[in-house]
Amino acid sequence: MKRSRFTEEQIIGVLREQEAGVKTADLCRKHGVSQATFFKWKAKYGGMDVSDARKLKALEDENRKLKKLLAETMLDVAMLKDLNSKKW
Protein backbone atom coordinates (compact mmCIF):
# COMPACT_ATOMS: atom_id res chain seq x y z
CA MET A 1 0.00 0.00 0.00
CA LYS A 2 1.30 3.46 -0.89
CA ARG A 3 2.42 5.56 2.05
CA SER A 4 0.83 8.94 2.53
CA ARG A 5 2.85 12.12 2.10
CA PHE A 6 1.15 13.47 5.20
CA THR A 7 1.40 12.28 8.79
CA GLU A 8 -1.62 12.03 11.04
CA GLU A 9 -0.56 15.23 12.78
CA GLN A 10 -0.44 17.11 9.48
CA ILE A 11 -3.81 15.74 8.39
CA ILE A 12 -5.43 16.79 11.66
CA GLY A 13 -3.82 20.22 11.26
CA VAL A 14 -5.39 20.57 7.80
CA LEU A 15 -8.79 19.55 9.20
CA ARG A 16 -8.43 22.11 12.00
CA GLU A 17 -7.74 24.83 9.41
CA GLN A 18 -10.99 23.95 7.66
CA GLU A 19 -12.86 24.05 10.97
CA ALA A 20 -11.41 27.52 11.55
CA GLY A 21 -13.25 28.78 8.47
CA VAL A 22 -10.90 28.32 5.50
CA LYS A 23 -12.73 27.21 2.35
CA THR A 24 -12.19 23.58 1.42
CA ALA A 25 -11.18 24.33 -2.17
CA ASP A 26 -8.55 26.86 -1.04
CA LEU A 27 -7.24 24.48 1.59
CA CYS A 28 -6.92 21.62 -0.89
CA ARG A 29 -5.10 23.83 -3.37
CA LYS A 30 -2.73 25.10 -0.66
CA HIS A 31 -1.76 21.61 0.50
CA GLY A 32 -1.86 19.93 -2.92
CA VAL A 33 -4.57 17.35 -2.28
CA SER A 34 -7.84 16.64 -4.02
CA GLN A 35 -11.16 17.38 -2.40
CA ALA A 36 -11.95 13.65 -2.43
CA THR A 37 -8.81 13.01 -0.37
CA PHE A 38 -9.75 15.81 2.01
CA PHE A 39 -13.20 14.37 2.61
CA LYS A 40 -11.73 10.87 3.13
CA TRP A 41 -9.46 12.39 5.77
CA LYS A 42 -12.41 14.15 7.31
CA ALA A 43 -14.38 10.90 7.49
CA LYS A 44 -11.48 9.05 9.09
CA TYR A 45 -9.88 11.71 11.31
CA GLY A 46 -12.72 14.20 11.85
CA GLY A 47 -13.04 15.18 15.51
CA MET A 48 -9.84 13.42 16.56
CA ASP A 49 -6.87 14.72 18.46
CA VAL A 50 -3.31 13.77 17.56
CA SER A 51 -3.17 11.26 20.41
CA ASP A 52 -6.37 9.60 19.17
CA ALA A 53 -4.89 9.31 15.69
CA ARG A 54 -1.74 7.69 17.08
CA LYS A 55 -3.85 5.19 19.03
CA LEU A 56 -5.85 4.42 15.88
CA LYS A 57 -2.65 3.82 13.90
CA ALA A 58 -1.30 1.50 16.61
CA LEU A 59 -4.56 -0.46 16.73
CA GLU A 60 -4.61 -0.80 12.93
CA ASP A 61 -1.03 -2.13 12.96
CA GLU A 62 -1.84 -4.60 15.72
CA ASN A 63 -4.96 -5.74 13.88
CA ARG A 64 -2.94 -6.30 10.68
CA LYS A 65 -0.39 -8.42 12.57
CA LEU A 66 -3.11 -10.49 14.25
CA LYS A 67 -4.85 -11.13 10.94
CA LYS A 68 -1.56 -12.33 9.46
CA LEU A 69 -0.99 -14.69 12.40
CA LEU A 70 -4.51 -16.06 12.07
CA ALA A 71 -4.06 -16.69 8.35
CA GLU A 72 -0.78 -18.51 8.94
CA THR A 73 -2.35 -20.66 11.66
CA MET A 74 -5.29 -21.53 9.43
CA LEU A 75 -2.86 -22.61 6.68
CA ASP A 76 -0.98 -24.81 9.16
CA VAL A 77 -4.23 -26.42 10.33
CA ALA A 78 -5.35 -27.07 6.74
CA MET A 79 -1.97 -28.62 5.91
CA LEU A 80 -2.10 -30.89 8.97
CA LYS A 81 -5.64 -31.99 8.16
CA ASP A 82 -4.53 -32.83 4.63
CA LEU A 83 -1.61 -34.87 5.95
CA ASN A 84 -3.82 -36.77 8.41
CA SER A 85 -6.40 -37.62 5.76
CA LYS A 86 -3.90 -39.52 3.59
CA LYS A 87 -3.52 -43.28 3.97
CA TRP A 88 0.01 -44.45 4.66
PDB file of N, CA and C in Angstrom:
ATOM      1  N   MET A   1       0.835  -1.164   0.000  1.00  0.00           N
ATOM      2  CA  MET A   1       0.000   0.000   0.000  1.00  0.00           C
ATOM      3  C   MET A   1       0.890   1.241   0.000  1.00  0.00           C
ATOM      4  N   LYS A   2       0.517   2.244  -0.775  1.00  0.00           N
ATOM      5  CA  LYS A   2       1.301   3.458  -0.886  1.00  0.00           C
ATOM      6  C   LYS A   2       1.220   4.258   0.405  1.00  0.00           C
ATOM      7  N   ARG A   3       2.375   4.746   0.840  1.00  0.00           N
ATOM      8  CA  ARG A   3       2.416   5.561   2.050  1.00  0.00           C
ATOM      9  C   ARG A   3       1.961   6.976   1.742  1.00  0.00           C
ATOM     10  N   SER A   4       1.321   7.577   2.687  1.00  0.00           N
ATOM     11  CA  SER A   4       0.826   8.939   2.534  1.00  0.00           C
ATOM     12  C   SER A   4       1.974   9.934   2.666  1.00  0.00           C
ATOM     13  N   ARG A   5       1.860  11.054   1.971  1.00  0.00           N
ATOM     14  CA  ARG A   5       2.853  12.117   2.105  1.00  0.00           C
ATOM     15  C   ARG A   5       2.662  12.866   3.410  1.00  0.00           C
ATOM     16  N   PHE A   6       1.505  12.711   4.014  1.00  0.00           N
ATOM     17  CA  PHE A   6       1.154  13.475   5.204  1.00  0.00           C
ATOM     18  C   PHE A   6       1.068  12.541   6.410  1.00  0.00           C
ATOM     19  N   THR A   7       1.543  13.039   7.544  1.00  0.00           N
ATOM     20  CA  THR A   7       1.404  12.284   8.787  1.00  0.00           C
ATOM     21  C   THR A   7       0.023  12.575   9.381  1.00  0.00           C
ATOM     22  N   GLU A   8      -0.325  11.806  10.396  1.00  0.00           N
ATOM     23  CA  GLU A   8      -1.618  12.026  11.042  1.00  0.00           C
ATOM     24  C   GLU A   8      -1.700  13.430  11.637  1.00  0.00           C
ATOM     25  N   GLU A   9      -0.587  13.893  12.187  1.00  0.00           N
ATOM     26  CA  GLU A   9      -0.561  15.232  12.783  1.00  0.00           C
ATOM     27  C   GLU A   9      -0.838  16.304  11.729  1.00  0.00           C
ATOM     28  N   GLN A  10      -0.224  16.143  10.548  1.00  0.00           N
ATOM     29  CA  GLN A  10      -0.438  17.112   9.475  1.00  0.00           C
ATOM     30  C   GLN A  10      -1.887  17.080   8.983  1.00  0.00           C
ATOM     31  N   ILE A  11      -2.437  15.875   8.854  1.00  0.00           N
ATOM     32  CA  ILE A  11      -3.815  15.735   8.388  1.00  0.00           C
ATOM     33  C   ILE A  11      -4.769  16.414   9.366  1.00  0.00           C
ATOM     34  N   ILE A  12      -4.567  16.182  10.655  1.00  0.00           N
ATOM     35  CA  ILE A  12      -5.430  16.794  11.658  1.00  0.00           C
ATOM     36  C   ILE A  12      -5.256  18.310  11.644  1.00  0.00           C
ATOM     37  N   GLY A  13      -4.048  18.788  11.379  1.00  0.00           N
ATOM     38  CA  GLY A  13      -3.819  20.222  11.256  1.00  0.00           C
ATOM     39  C   GLY A  13      -4.599  20.822  10.092  1.00  0.00           C
ATOM     40  N   VAL A  14      -4.633  20.109   8.965  1.00  0.00           N
ATOM     41  CA  VAL A  14      -5.394  20.573   7.801  1.00  0.00           C
ATOM     42  C   VAL A  14      -6.888  20.613   8.137  1.00  0.00           C
ATOM     43  N   LEU A  15      -7.368  19.590   8.821  1.00  0.00           N
ATOM     44  CA  LEU A  15      -8.786  19.554   9.200  1.00  0.00           C
ATOM     45  C   LEU A  15      -9.124  20.688  10.167  1.00  0.00           C
ATOM     46  N   ARG A  16      -8.205  20.998  11.067  1.00  0.00           N
ATOM     47  CA  ARG A  16      -8.435  22.106  12.001  1.00  0.00           C
ATOM     48  C   ARG A  16      -8.514  23.444  11.262  1.00  0.00           C
ATOM     49  N   GLU A  17      -7.684  23.593  10.198  1.00  0.00           N
ATOM     50  CA  GLU A  17      -7.738  24.828   9.414  1.00  0.00           C
ATOM     51  C   GLU A  17      -9.118  24.990   8.780  1.00  0.00           C
ATOM     52  N   GLN A  18      -9.670  23.890   8.297  1.00  0.00           N
ATOM     53  CA  GLN A  18     -10.992  23.949   7.664  1.00  0.00           C
ATOM     54  C   GLN A  18     -12.056  24.275   8.699  1.00  0.00           C
ATOM     55  N   GLU A  19     -11.905  23.739   9.903  1.00  0.00           N
ATOM     56  CA  GLU A  19     -12.855  24.046  10.972  1.00  0.00           C
ATOM     57  C   GLU A  19     -12.775  25.509  11.387  1.00  0.00           C
ATOM     58  N   ALA A  20     -11.598  26.122  11.188  1.00  0.00           N
ATOM     59  CA  ALA A  20     -11.409  27.524  11.551  1.00  0.00           C
ATOM     60  C   ALA A  20     -12.064  28.471  10.551  1.00  0.00           C
ATOM     61  N   GLY A  21     -12.509  27.944   9.410  1.00  0.00           N
ATOM     62  CA  GLY A  21     -13.245  28.781   8.474  1.00  0.00           C
ATOM     63  C   GLY A  21     -12.632  28.918   7.098  1.00  0.00           C
ATOM     64  N   VAL A  22     -11.504  28.254   6.824  1.00  0.00           N
ATOM     65  CA  VAL A  22     -10.903  28.325   5.500  1.00  0.00           C
ATOM     66  C   VAL A  22     -11.733  27.471   4.551  1.00  0.00           C
ATOM     67  N   LYS A  23     -11.947  27.966   3.329  1.00  0.00           N
ATOM     68  CA  LYS A  23     -12.734  27.209   2.352  1.00  0.00           C
ATOM     69  C   LYS A  23     -11.999  25.931   1.969  1.00  0.00           C
ATOM     70  N   THR A  24     -12.767  24.888   1.733  1.00  0.00           N
ATOM     71  CA  THR A  24     -12.195  23.580   1.425  1.00  0.00           C
ATOM     72  C   THR A  24     -11.380  23.623   0.145  1.00  0.00           C
ATOM     73  N   ALA A  25     -11.895  24.276  -0.889  1.00  0.00           N
ATOM     74  CA  ALA A  25     -11.182  24.332  -2.166  1.00  0.00           C
ATOM     75  C   ALA A  25      -9.835  25.034  -2.006  1.00  0.00           C
ATOM     76  N   ASP A  26      -9.805  26.135  -1.264  1.00  0.00           N
ATOM     77  CA  ASP A  26      -8.552  26.862  -1.042  1.00  0.00           C
ATOM     78  C   ASP A  26      -7.566  26.026  -0.238  1.00  0.00           C
ATOM     79  N   LEU A  27      -8.063  25.325   0.741  1.00  0.00           N
ATOM     80  CA  LEU A  27      -7.235  24.481   1.591  1.00  0.00           C
ATOM     81  C   LEU A  27      -6.617  23.340   0.788  1.00  0.00           C
ATOM     82  N   CYS A  28      -7.414  22.720  -0.063  1.00  0.00           N
ATOM     83  CA  CYS A  28      -6.917  21.617  -0.886  1.00  0.00           C
ATOM     84  C   CYS A  28      -5.853  22.108  -1.863  1.00  0.00           C
ATOM     85  N   ARG A  29      -6.070  23.257  -2.440  1.00  0.00           N
ATOM     86  CA  ARG A  29      -5.101  23.830  -3.370  1.00  0.00           C
ATOM     87  C   ARG A  29      -3.796  24.167  -2.644  1.00  0.00           C
ATOM     88  N   LYS A  30      -3.903  24.704  -1.452  1.00  0.00           N
ATOM     89  CA  LYS A  30      -2.727  25.097  -0.664  1.00  0.00           C
ATOM     90  C   LYS A  30      -1.856  23.891  -0.316  1.00  0.00           C
ATOM     91  N   HIS A  31      -2.504  22.787   0.067  1.00  0.00           N
ATOM     92  CA  HIS A  31      -1.757  21.605   0.505  1.00  0.00           C
ATOM     93  C   HIS A  31      -1.529  20.589  -0.609  1.00  0.00           C
ATOM     94  N   GLY A  32      -2.109  20.808  -1.781  1.00  0.00           N
ATOM     95  CA  GLY A  32      -1.862  19.926  -2.921  1.00  0.00           C
ATOM     96  C   GLY A  32      -2.568  18.586  -2.844  1.00  0.00           C
ATOM     97  N   VAL A  33      -3.781  18.580  -2.328  1.00  0.00           N
ATOM     98  CA  VAL A  33      -4.566  17.346  -2.281  1.00  0.00           C
ATOM     99  C   VAL A  33      -5.903  17.586  -2.974  1.00  0.00           C
ATOM    100  N   SER A  34      -6.529  16.503  -3.399  1.00  0.00           N
ATOM    101  CA  SER A  34      -7.835  16.643  -4.020  1.00  0.00           C
ATOM    102  C   SER A  34      -8.910  16.779  -2.945  1.00  0.00           C
ATOM    103  N   GLN A  35     -10.071  17.249  -3.363  1.00  0.00           N
ATOM    104  CA  GLN A  35     -11.163  17.376  -2.404  1.00  0.00           C
ATOM    105  C   GLN A  35     -11.636  16.004  -1.930  1.00  0.00           C
ATOM    106  N   ALA A  36     -11.560  15.006  -2.829  1.00  0.00           N
ATOM    107  CA  ALA A  36     -11.948  13.649  -2.425  1.00  0.00           C
ATOM    108  C   ALA A  36     -11.045  13.155  -1.297  1.00  0.00           C
ATOM    109  N   THR A  37      -9.752  13.404  -1.419  1.00  0.00           N
ATOM    110  CA  THR A  37      -8.810  13.010  -0.366  1.00  0.00           C
ATOM    111  C   THR A  37      -9.118  13.741   0.921  1.00  0.00           C
ATOM    112  N   PHE A  38      -9.419  15.027   0.812  1.00  0.00           N
ATOM    113  CA  PHE A  38      -9.745  15.806   2.007  1.00  0.00           C
ATOM    114  C   PHE A  38     -10.956  15.227   2.723  1.00  0.00           C
ATOM    115  N   PHE A  39     -11.991  14.884   1.969  1.00  0.00           N
ATOM    116  CA  PHE A  39     -13.197  14.367   2.606  1.00  0.00           C
ATOM    117  C   PHE A  39     -12.993  12.952   3.153  1.00  0.00           C
ATOM    118  N   LYS A  40     -12.090  12.171   2.553  1.00  0.00           N
ATOM    119  CA  LYS A  40     -11.732  10.874   3.135  1.00  0.00           C
ATOM    120  C   LYS A  40     -11.034  11.074   4.478  1.00  0.00           C
ATOM    121  N   TRP A  41     -10.134  12.056   4.506  1.00  0.00           N
ATOM    122  CA  TRP A  41      -9.461  12.385   5.768  1.00  0.00           C
ATOM    123  C   TRP A  41     -10.476  12.822   6.804  1.00  0.00           C
ATOM    124  N   LYS A  42     -11.413  13.635   6.372  1.00  0.00           N
ATOM    125  CA  LYS A  42     -12.407  14.154   7.309  1.00  0.00           C
ATOM    126  C   LYS A  42     -13.261  13.021   7.869  1.00  0.00           C
ATOM    127  N   ALA A  43     -13.585  12.039   7.016  1.00  0.00           N
ATOM    128  CA  ALA A  43     -14.376  10.903   7.485  1.00  0.00           C
ATOM    129  C   ALA A  43     -13.589  10.050   8.479  1.00  0.00           C
ATOM    130  N   LYS A  44     -12.279   9.916   8.235  1.00  0.00           N
ATOM    131  CA  LYS A  44     -11.475   9.054   9.090  1.00  0.00           C
ATOM    132  C   LYS A  44     -10.990   9.774  10.350  1.00  0.00           C
ATOM    133  N   TYR A  45     -10.520  11.010  10.199  1.00  0.00           N
ATOM    134  CA  TYR A  45      -9.884  11.709  11.311  1.00  0.00           C
ATOM    135  C   TYR A  45     -10.716  12.856  11.880  1.00  0.00           C
ATOM    136  N   GLY A  46     -11.910  13.081  11.378  1.00  0.00           N
ATOM    137  CA  GLY A  46     -12.722  14.200  11.853  1.00  0.00           C
ATOM    138  C   GLY A  46     -13.024  14.093  13.339  1.00  0.00           C
ATOM    139  N   GLY A  47     -12.765  15.159  14.079  1.00  0.00           N
ATOM    140  CA  GLY A  47     -13.044  15.181  15.510  1.00  0.00           C
ATOM    141  C   GLY A  47     -12.003  14.508  16.374  1.00  0.00           C
ATOM    142  N   MET A  48     -10.886  14.092  15.786  1.00  0.00           N
ATOM    143  CA  MET A  48      -9.838  13.418  16.559  1.00  0.00           C
ATOM    144  C   MET A  48      -8.761  14.393  16.978  1.00  0.00           C
ATOM    145  N   ASP A  49      -8.092  14.033  18.057  1.00  0.00           N
ATOM    146  CA  ASP A  49      -6.869  14.719  18.457  1.00  0.00           C
ATOM    147  C   ASP A  49      -5.697  13.918  17.910  1.00  0.00           C
ATOM    148  N   VAL A  50      -4.506  14.460  18.041  1.00  0.00           N
ATOM    149  CA  VAL A  50      -3.311  13.773  17.559  1.00  0.00           C
ATOM    150  C   VAL A  50      -3.104  12.470  18.319  1.00  0.00           C
ATOM    151  N   SER A  51      -3.352  12.481  19.619  1.00  0.00           N
ATOM    152  CA  SER A  51      -3.167  11.255  20.411  1.00  0.00           C
ATOM    153  C   SER A  51      -4.157  10.169  19.983  1.00  0.00           C
ATOM    154  N   ASP A  52      -5.378  10.573  19.648  1.00  0.00           N
ATOM    155  CA  ASP A  52      -6.366   9.601  19.166  1.00  0.00           C
ATOM    156  C   ASP A  52      -5.924   8.987  17.848  1.00  0.00           C
ATOM    157  N   ALA A  53      -5.353   9.803  16.978  1.00  0.00           N
ATOM    158  CA  ALA A  53      -4.885   9.311  15.687  1.00  0.00           C
ATOM    159  C   ALA A  53      -3.734   8.324  15.863  1.00  0.00           C
ATOM    160  N   ARG A  54      -2.848   8.614  16.808  1.00  0.00           N
ATOM    161  CA  ARG A  54      -1.737   7.687  17.078  1.00  0.00           C
ATOM    162  C   ARG A  54      -2.264   6.352  17.610  1.00  0.00           C
ATOM    163  N   LYS A  55      -3.258   6.417  18.495  1.00  0.00           N
ATOM    164  CA  LYS A  55      -3.849   5.189  19.028  1.00  0.00           C
ATOM    165  C   LYS A  55      -4.516   4.390  17.909  1.00  0.00           C
ATOM    166  N   LEU A  56      -5.207   5.084  17.011  1.00  0.00           N
ATOM    167  CA  LEU A  56      -5.855   4.420  15.881  1.00  0.00           C
ATOM    168  C   LEU A  56      -4.829   3.727  15.008  1.00  0.00           C
ATOM    169  N   LYS A  57      -3.721   4.398  14.723  1.00  0.00           N
ATOM    170  CA  LYS A  57      -2.653   3.823  13.904  1.00  0.00           C
ATOM    171  C   LYS A  57      -2.078   2.578  14.573  1.00  0.00           C
ATOM    172  N   ALA A  58      -1.851   2.646  15.881  1.00  0.00           N
ATOM    173  CA  ALA A  58      -1.301   1.503  16.612  1.00  0.00           C
ATOM    174  C   ALA A  58      -2.272   0.325  16.591  1.00  0.00           C
ATOM    175  N   LEU A  59      -3.556   0.611  16.756  1.00  0.00           N
ATOM    176  CA  LEU A  59      -4.556  -0.461  16.726  1.00  0.00           C
ATOM    177  C   LEU A  59      -4.661  -1.087  15.339  1.00  0.00           C
ATOM    178  N   GLU A  60      -4.565  -0.268  14.287  1.00  0.00           N
ATOM    179  CA  GLU A  60      -4.615  -0.803  12.928  1.00  0.00           C
ATOM    180  C   GLU A  60      -3.415  -1.701  12.659  1.00  0.00           C
ATOM    181  N   ASP A  61      -2.223  -1.298  13.130  1.00  0.00           N
ATOM    182  CA  ASP A  61      -1.026  -2.127  12.963  1.00  0.00           C
ATOM    183  C   ASP A  61      -1.165  -3.450  13.708  1.00  0.00           C
ATOM    184  N   GLU A  62      -1.665  -3.388  14.931  1.00  0.00           N
ATOM    185  CA  GLU A  62      -1.843  -4.603  15.719  1.00  0.00           C
ATOM    186  C   GLU A  62      -2.867  -5.530  15.065  1.00  0.00           C
ATOM    187  N   ASN A  63      -3.931  -4.953  14.541  1.00  0.00           N
ATOM    188  CA  ASN A  63      -4.962  -5.743  13.876  1.00  0.00           C
ATOM    189  C   ASN A  63      -4.395  -6.438  12.638  1.00  0.00           C
ATOM    190  N   ARG A  64      -3.553  -5.721  11.877  1.00  0.00           N
ATOM    191  CA  ARG A  64      -2.944  -6.299  10.685  1.00  0.00           C
ATOM    192  C   ARG A  64      -2.058  -7.483  11.057  1.00  0.00           C
ATOM    193  N   LYS A  65      -1.266  -7.342  12.127  1.00  0.00           N
ATOM    194  CA  LYS A  65      -0.392  -8.425  12.568  1.00  0.00           C
ATOM    195  C   LYS A  65      -1.200  -9.634  13.030  1.00  0.00           C
ATOM    196  N   LEU A  66      -2.278  -9.389  13.767  1.00  0.00           N
ATOM    197  CA  LEU A  66      -3.108 -10.492  14.249  1.00  0.00           C
ATOM    198  C   LEU A  66      -3.790 -11.226  13.106  1.00  0.00           C
ATOM    199  N   LYS A  67      -4.233 -10.488  12.099  1.00  0.00           N
ATOM    200  CA  LYS A  67      -4.849 -11.126  10.938  1.00  0.00           C
ATOM    201  C   LYS A  67      -3.845 -12.006  10.198  1.00  0.00           C
ATOM    202  N   LYS A  68      -2.606 -11.542  10.110  1.00  0.00           N
ATOM    203  CA  LYS A  68      -1.560 -12.327   9.456  1.00  0.00           C
ATOM    204  C   LYS A  68      -1.291 -13.608  10.242  1.00  0.00           C
ATOM    205  N   LEU A  69      -1.202 -13.506  11.567  1.00  0.00           N
ATOM    206  CA  LEU A  69      -0.986 -14.690  12.404  1.00  0.00           C
ATOM    207  C   LEU A  69      -2.127 -15.689  12.262  1.00  0.00           C
ATOM    208  N   LEU A  70      -3.360 -15.181  12.221  1.00  0.00           N
ATOM    209  CA  LEU A  70      -4.511 -16.059  12.067  1.00  0.00           C
ATOM    210  C   LEU A  70      -4.474 -16.779  10.723  1.00  0.00           C
ATOM    211  N   ALA A  71      -4.127 -16.070   9.668  1.00  0.00           N
ATOM    212  CA  ALA A  71      -4.061 -16.688   8.346  1.00  0.00           C
ATOM    213  C   ALA A  71      -2.994 -17.776   8.304  1.00  0.00           C
ATOM    214  N   GLU A  72      -1.834 -17.507   8.901  1.00  0.00           N
ATOM    215  CA  GLU A  72      -0.776 -18.508   8.936  1.00  0.00           C
ATOM    216  C   GLU A  72      -1.205 -19.735   9.727  1.00  0.00           C
ATOM    217  N   THR A  73      -1.876 -19.534  10.840  1.00  0.00           N
ATOM    218  CA  THR A  73      -2.351 -20.655  11.657  1.00  0.00           C
ATOM    219  C   THR A  73      -3.384 -21.480  10.905  1.00  0.00           C
ATOM    220  N   MET A  74      -4.276 -20.804  10.194  1.00  0.00           N
ATOM    221  CA  MET A  74      -5.288 -21.527   9.426  1.00  0.00           C
ATOM    222  C   MET A  74      -4.643 -22.353   8.313  1.00  0.00           C
ATOM    223  N   LEU A  75      -3.581 -21.839   7.692  1.00  0.00           N
ATOM    224  CA  LEU A  75      -2.857 -22.609   6.679  1.00  0.00           C
ATOM    225  C   LEU A  75      -2.201 -23.843   7.291  1.00  0.00           C
ATOM    226  N   ASP A  76      -1.608 -23.673   8.477  1.00  0.00           N
ATOM    227  CA  ASP A  76      -0.983 -24.808   9.163  1.00  0.00           C
ATOM    228  C   ASP A  76      -2.019 -25.883   9.492  1.00  0.00           C
ATOM    229  N   VAL A  77      -3.167 -25.473   9.980  1.00  0.00           N
ATOM    230  CA  VAL A  77      -4.226 -26.425  10.325  1.00  0.00           C
ATOM    231  C   VAL A  77      -4.714 -27.156   9.077  1.00  0.00           C
ATOM    232  N   ALA A  78      -4.897 -26.434   7.988  1.00  0.00           N
ATOM    233  CA  ALA A  78      -5.349 -27.067   6.744  1.00  0.00           C
ATOM    234  C   ALA A  78      -4.311 -28.060   6.233  1.00  0.00           C
ATOM    235  N   MET A  79      -3.032 -27.721   6.348  1.00  0.00           N
ATOM    236  CA  MET A  79      -1.973 -28.623   5.906  1.00  0.00           C
ATOM    237  C   MET A  79      -1.951 -29.879   6.773  1.00  0.00           C
ATOM    238  N   LEU A  80      -2.098 -29.725   8.085  1.00  0.00           N
ATOM    239  CA  LEU A  80      -2.095 -30.893   8.970  1.00  0.00           C
ATOM    240  C   LEU A  80      -3.305 -31.785   8.737  1.00  0.00           C
ATOM    241  N   LYS A  81      -4.457 -31.189   8.466  1.00  0.00           N
ATOM    242  CA  LYS A  81      -5.640 -31.994   8.155  1.00  0.00           C
ATOM    243  C   LYS A  81      -5.434 -32.782   6.877  1.00  0.00           C
ATOM    244  N   ASP A  82      -4.797 -32.145   5.893  1.00  0.00           N
ATOM    245  CA  ASP A  82      -4.527 -32.830   4.631  1.00  0.00           C
ATOM    246  C   ASP A  82      -3.566 -33.989   4.839  1.00  0.00           C
ATOM    247  N   LEU A  83      -2.546 -33.785   5.671  1.00  0.00           N
ATOM    248  CA  LEU A  83      -1.609 -34.865   5.952  1.00  0.00           C
ATOM    249  C   LEU A  83      -2.289 -36.017   6.703  1.00  0.00           C
ATOM    250  N   ASN A  84      -3.154 -35.722   7.635  1.00  0.00           N
ATOM    251  CA  ASN A  84      -3.823 -36.765   8.413  1.00  0.00           C
ATOM    252  C   ASN A  84      -4.837 -37.536   7.582  1.00  0.00           C
ATOM    253  N   SER A  85      -5.376 -36.943   6.553  1.00  0.00           N
ATOM    254  CA  SER A  85      -6.398 -37.619   5.762  1.00  0.00           C
ATOM    255  C   SER A  85      -5.804 -38.645   4.797  1.00  0.00           C
ATOM    256  N   LYS A  86      -4.524 -38.582   4.526  1.00  0.00           N
ATOM    257  CA  LYS A  86      -3.903 -39.517   3.594  1.00  0.00           C
ATOM    258  C   LYS A  86      -3.671 -40.871   4.268  1.00  0.00           C
ATOM    259  N   LYS A  87      -3.789 -41.909   3.469  1.00  0.00           N
ATOM    260  CA  LYS A  87      -3.518 -43.278   3.969  1.00  0.00           C
ATOM    261  C   LYS A  87      -2.046 -43.582   3.750  1.00  0.00           C
ATOM    262  N   TRP A  88      -1.406 -44.125   4.765  1.00  0.00           N
ATOM    263  CA  TRP A  88       0.006 -44.451   4.662  1.00  0.00           C
ATOM    264  C   TRP A  88       0.176 -45.874   4.372  1.00  0.00           C
TER     265      TRP A  88
END
